[in-house]
Protein backbone atom coordinates (compact mmCIF):
# COMPACT_ATOMS: atom_id res chain seq x y z
CA PHE A 1 -5.40 -18.61 -5.58
CA GLU A 2 -2.97 -15.93 -4.37
CA GLN A 3 -0.46 -16.03 -1.54
CA ASP A 4 2.18 -13.52 -0.43
CA VAL A 5 5.64 -14.96 0.23
CA LEU A 6 8.53 -13.41 2.16
CA VAL A 7 12.10 -14.14 0.95
CA THR A 8 15.24 -13.07 2.83
CA THR A 9 18.82 -13.00 1.54
CA MET A 10 22.44 -13.11 2.65
CA GLY A 11 22.87 -9.59 1.25
CA GLY A 12 20.57 -8.05 3.86
CA GLU A 13 17.50 -7.84 1.63
CA ALA A 14 13.88 -8.87 2.11
CA HIS A 15 11.52 -9.41 -0.83
CA VAL A 16 7.74 -9.67 -0.78
CA LEU A 17 6.57 -11.93 -3.61
CA ARG A 18 3.13 -13.06 -4.69
CA VAL A 19 2.40 -16.61 -5.82
CA SER A 20 -0.73 -17.03 -7.90
CA THR A 21 -2.25 -19.94 -9.79
CA SER A 22 -4.56 -20.14 -12.77
CA GLU A 23 -5.81 -22.89 -15.05
CA CYS A 24 -4.13 -21.27 -18.07
CA SER A 25 -0.65 -20.37 -16.85
CA GLY A 26 -0.22 -22.58 -13.79
CA PHE A 27 2.02 -21.02 -11.13
CA GLU A 28 3.11 -17.41 -11.46
CA LEU A 29 5.58 -15.66 -9.16
CA ARG A 30 6.03 -11.89 -9.20
CA GLN A 31 7.90 -9.45 -6.99
CA LEU A 32 5.82 -6.84 -5.17
CA GLN A 33 8.38 -5.03 -2.99
CA SER A 34 12.03 -5.13 -1.94
CA PHE A 35 13.70 -3.79 1.20
CA LYS A 36 17.33 -3.40 2.25
CA ASP A 37 17.21 -2.15 5.82
CA HIS A 38 19.75 -4.57 7.33
CA GLN A 39 23.54 -4.28 7.18
CA LYS A 40 24.20 -8.03 7.29
CA GLN A 41 22.52 -11.31 6.34
CA VAL A 42 18.81 -11.52 7.04
CA ALA A 43 18.50 -14.81 8.90
CA CYS A 44 14.73 -15.11 8.97
CA GLY A 45 11.47 -13.42 8.05
CA ARG A 46 7.99 -14.07 9.43
CA PHE A 47 4.53 -12.79 8.55
CA ALA A 48 2.26 -11.99 11.49
CA PRO A 49 -1.07 -13.85 11.71
CA GLY A 50 -3.46 -12.04 9.41
CA GLY A 51 -0.65 -10.63 7.28
CA ALA A 52 -0.79 -7.01 8.49
CA HIS A 53 2.89 -7.07 9.55
CA PHE A 54 6.07 -9.00 8.92
CA ALA A 55 9.35 -9.13 10.80
CA THR A 56 12.94 -9.74 9.70
CA ILE A 57 15.94 -10.55 11.89
CA SER A 58 19.60 -10.18 11.06
CA ARG A 59 23.16 -10.78 12.12
CA ASP A 60 23.47 -7.00 12.47
CA HIS A 61 21.84 -7.39 15.94
CA SER A 62 18.52 -5.92 14.82
CA ALA A 63 14.93 -6.91 14.07
CA ASN A 64 12.77 -4.89 11.67
CA VAL A 65 8.98 -4.84 11.65
CA TYR A 66 7.02 -3.72 8.58
CA ALA A 67 3.36 -2.70 8.47
CA ARG A 68 0.94 -3.03 5.58
CA ASP A 69 -0.80 0.14 4.38
CA ALA A 70 -4.55 -0.33 4.52
CA LYS A 71 -5.05 1.77 1.35
CA ASN A 72 -2.63 0.25 -1.15
CA SER A 73 -1.48 -2.92 0.66
CA ASP A 74 2.20 -1.88 0.41
CA PHE A 75 4.51 -2.52 3.36
CA THR A 76 6.61 0.19 5.02
CA LEU A 77 9.19 -0.04 7.80
CA LEU A 78 7.39 0.49 11.11
CA GLY A 79 10.33 0.20 13.48
CA THR A 80 13.72 -1.37 14.30
CA TRP A 81 14.62 -3.10 17.56
CA LYS A 82 18.28 -3.50 18.55
CA LEU A 83 19.60 -6.28 20.77
CA ALA A 84 23.06 -6.81 22.25
CA GLY A 85 23.85 -9.85 20.08
CA GLU A 86 22.97 -11.42 16.75
CA VAL A 87 19.21 -11.97 16.57
CA THR A 88 18.90 -15.71 16.01
CA ALA A 89 15.16 -16.46 16.08
CA CYS A 90 11.73 -14.86 16.03
CA CYS A 91 8.07 -15.84 16.02
CA TRP A 92 4.69 -14.16 16.38
CA LEU A 93 2.68 -14.99 19.48
CA ASP A 94 -0.33 -13.23 17.96
CA ALA A 95 -1.03 -10.53 15.37
CA SER A 96 0.60 -7.79 17.49
CA THR A 97 3.19 -9.59 19.67
CA LEU A 98 6.63 -10.56 18.38
CA ILE A 99 9.10 -12.75 20.31
CA LEU A 100 12.87 -12.43 19.73
CA ALA A 101 15.94 -14.39 20.81
CA ALA A 102 19.60 -13.38 20.45
CA ARG A 103 23.07 -14.76 21.05
CA ASP A 104 24.76 -14.06 24.38
CA ASP A 105 21.32 -13.38 25.86
CA HIS A 106 19.57 -15.47 28.51
CA GLU A 107 16.15 -13.93 27.83
CA LEU A 108 13.34 -13.92 25.28
CA HIS A 109 12.08 -10.46 24.36
CA TYR A 110 8.36 -9.81 23.83
CA LEU A 111 7.61 -6.79 21.63
CA ASP A 112 4.22 -5.11 21.27
CA VAL A 113 3.64 -3.95 17.70
CA ALA A 114 1.32 -0.94 17.38
CA ALA A 115 0.65 1.79 14.83
CA ASP A 116 3.08 4.14 16.57
CA GLY A 117 5.98 1.67 16.68
CA LEU A 118 7.54 -1.07 18.81
CA LYS A 119 7.64 -1.40 22.59
CA GLU A 120 9.13 -4.15 24.72
CA SER A 121 6.38 -5.51 26.96
CA MET A 122 8.33 -8.17 28.87
CA ARG A 123 11.44 -10.31 29.08
CA VAL A 124 11.44 -14.01 29.91
CA ASN A 125 14.43 -15.62 31.63
CA LEU A 126 15.32 -18.93 29.97
CA ASN A 127 17.21 -20.16 33.03
CA ALA A 128 15.00 -22.17 35.36
CA LEU A 129 16.86 -20.90 38.44
CA GLY A 130 16.51 -17.26 37.40
CA ASP A 131 20.25 -16.61 37.02
CA ARG A 132 21.87 -14.59 34.23
CA VAL A 133 24.31 -17.24 32.96
CA VAL A 134 24.32 -17.72 29.17
CA SER A 135 25.06 -21.37 28.41
CA PHE A 136 23.21 -21.83 25.10
CA ALA A 137 21.75 -19.95 22.15
CA VAL A 138 18.16 -20.18 20.93
CA LEU A 139 18.25 -21.04 17.21
CA ALA A 140 14.52 -21.46 16.50
CA LEU A 141 11.20 -20.42 18.05
CA SER A 142 7.64 -21.60 17.55
CA VAL A 143 4.24 -20.87 19.10
CA SER A 144 1.61 -23.57 19.59
CA PRO A 145 -1.59 -23.23 17.52
CA ASN A 146 -3.61 -22.56 20.70
CA GLY A 147 -1.19 -19.78 21.68
CA SER A 148 -0.47 -21.20 25.12
CA MET A 149 3.12 -22.44 24.61
CA VAL A 150 6.41 -21.27 23.12
CA ALA A 151 9.11 -23.74 22.05
CA ALA A 152 12.75 -22.59 22.05
CA CYS A 153 15.17 -24.91 20.24
CA THR A 154 18.73 -24.43 21.52
CA ASP A 155 22.19 -25.30 20.20
CA ARG A 156 22.66 -27.82 23.02
CA SER A 157 20.21 -30.47 21.74
CA ARG A 158 17.64 -29.16 24.18
CA VAL A 159 14.19 -27.76 23.43
CA ILE A 160 12.59 -25.64 26.17
CA VAL A 161 8.79 -25.49 26.11
CA LEU A 162 7.53 -22.50 28.06
CA GLN A 163 4.16 -21.17 29.01
CA ALA A 164 3.48 -18.15 26.79
CA ARG A 165 4.18 -14.77 28.44
CA SER A 166 5.83 -16.57 31.36
CA SER A 167 9.21 -17.95 32.45
CA ARG A 168 7.52 -21.17 33.58
CA GLN A 169 9.20 -24.11 31.86
CA LEU A 170 6.61 -26.77 31.07
CA ARG A 171 8.96 -29.29 29.46
CA ASN A 172 12.62 -29.77 28.60
CA LEU A 173 12.99 -32.09 25.62
CA TYR A 174 16.16 -34.02 24.78
CA GLY A 175 16.84 -36.33 21.84
CA ALA A 176 17.02 -34.07 18.78
CA SER A 177 20.63 -33.57 17.67
CA VAL A 178 21.25 -29.80 17.29
CA ASN A 179 24.61 -28.05 17.59
CA GLU A 180 25.79 -24.44 17.31
CA TYR A 181 26.31 -24.61 13.53
CA ASP A 182 22.91 -26.12 12.71
CA LEU A 183 19.89 -24.28 11.30
CA PRO A 184 17.07 -26.10 13.08
CA SER A 185 13.33 -25.74 12.66
CA VAL A 186 10.65 -26.46 15.25
CA CYS A 187 6.85 -26.48 15.18
CA PHE A 188 3.87 -27.86 17.09
CA SER A 189 1.25 -30.28 15.84
CA LEU A 190 -2.18 -28.87 15.10
CA ASP A 191 -3.58 -30.15 18.40
CA SER A 192 -0.54 -28.83 20.35
CA CYS A 193 0.12 -32.34 21.70
CA PHE A 194 3.35 -33.05 19.76
CA LEU A 195 6.45 -31.09 18.82
CA TYR A 196 8.44 -31.57 15.61
CA VAL A 197 12.17 -30.71 15.63
CA SER A 198 14.76 -31.09 12.87
CA SER A 199 17.68 -33.28 13.92
CA SER A 200 21.03 -33.77 12.16
CA LEU A 201 23.19 -36.84 12.75
CA PRO A 202 26.95 -36.80 12.05
CA GLN A 203 27.75 -37.10 8.33
CA PRO A 204 29.17 -40.58 7.54
CA ARG A 205 32.02 -41.40 5.15
CA GLU A 206 31.20 -40.77 1.49
CA GLU A 207 31.01 -44.47 0.66
CA VAL A 208 28.38 -45.00 3.37
CA LYS A 209 24.83 -44.01 2.47
CA ALA A 210 22.71 -42.93 5.43
CA LEU A 211 19.79 -40.65 6.10
CA CYS A 212 21.43 -38.09 8.42
CA GLY A 213 18.71 -35.48 8.16
CA GLN A 214 15.84 -36.41 10.45
CA LEU A 215 12.76 -35.10 12.20
CA ALA A 216 12.37 -35.82 15.90
CA ILE A 217 8.81 -36.03 17.21
CA PHE A 218 8.13 -35.46 20.91
CA GLU A 219 4.96 -36.13 22.87
CA LEU A 220 4.53 -33.13 25.14
CA ARG A 221 2.39 -34.87 27.77
CA SER A 222 5.18 -37.33 28.61
CA ALA A 223 8.17 -35.32 27.24
CA ARG A 224 9.23 -38.49 25.40
CA LEU A 225 10.87 -38.77 22.00
CA VAL A 226 8.32 -41.04 20.33
CA LEU A 227 9.55 -41.14 16.73
CA GLN A 228 12.57 -40.34 14.56
CA LEU A 229 11.79 -39.82 10.86
CA PRO A 230 14.89 -40.26 8.63
CA CYS A 231 14.23 -38.20 5.51
CA HIS A 232 17.43 -36.79 3.93
CA GLU A 233 21.04 -37.80 3.24
CA LYS A 234 22.20 -34.41 4.56
CA ALA A 235 20.95 -32.06 7.26
CA VAL A 236 17.38 -30.75 7.15
CA ARG A 237 17.65 -27.05 6.26
CA CYS A 238 13.99 -26.21 6.88
CA PHE A 239 10.59 -27.77 7.36
CA ASP A 240 7.03 -26.69 8.00
CA ARG A 241 3.63 -28.14 8.80
CA HIS A 242 0.58 -27.76 6.58
CA PRO A 243 -1.75 -25.15 8.17
CA LEU A 244 -4.81 -27.39 8.01
CA THR A 245 -3.61 -30.97 8.32
CA GLU A 246 -0.80 -33.00 9.88
CA MET A 247 1.49 -33.04 6.81
CA LEU A 248 5.14 -31.96 6.92
CA VAL A 249 7.36 -30.70 4.11
CA THR A 250 11.16 -30.72 4.46
CA GLY A 251 14.06 -29.17 2.54
CA SER A 252 17.67 -30.28 2.84
CA PHE A 253 21.26 -29.52 1.90
CA ASP A 254 21.09 -32.70 -0.22
CA LYS A 255 19.11 -30.60 -2.77
CA THR A 256 15.83 -32.44 -2.18
């Protein structure tokens, strides 16, 4: 078994690693490539479906897209896209369409990724009334497995579910606790019927033990919060869903 892994750092670097397993040595992790094309912390990195590209976003107001060489499988920088504010979230709609969100920006940016570079194909206004007021920041993005919906988790405890490639808001979900200093994660269930969102409750006094790091589960048909899963003593730093089954893995600031 072999799997490529993308690691980003506070120093502005991105590393492509390969995880492999064998009966003799167990897990083996080796570095394939390193890049330092950002001037500030790289907040996130995402492989495109199929693995032909990956994107990184940074506090230096830019997103970089890298393309894999068909001959030697090495990645090279394909293009850089600058936004007015810190790029806070990204996700791939499909193998050649990247979605970006930034601070002080009321829009999502759709980028077409081609062999000759990057081109913005559309912008989506996140305000239902179509105005230009910026009242929140998008901290996490996710695309449904069927490609029909995009979820934008904001720093105002609100998750906007939009129709892909459209400003039509299908649902507004409330109940997950997310503020401007959180690092939330969001993803859809395999059947695109539920949405999982990390939720952080206020930290209690040290002598009080409580599970403050939680996952909020929303049913999209009714827009109801149907379950809260307490799972960590401190905030959930990241989580993801298994690609083939409805299993979730979480990581937390409580070191578990």
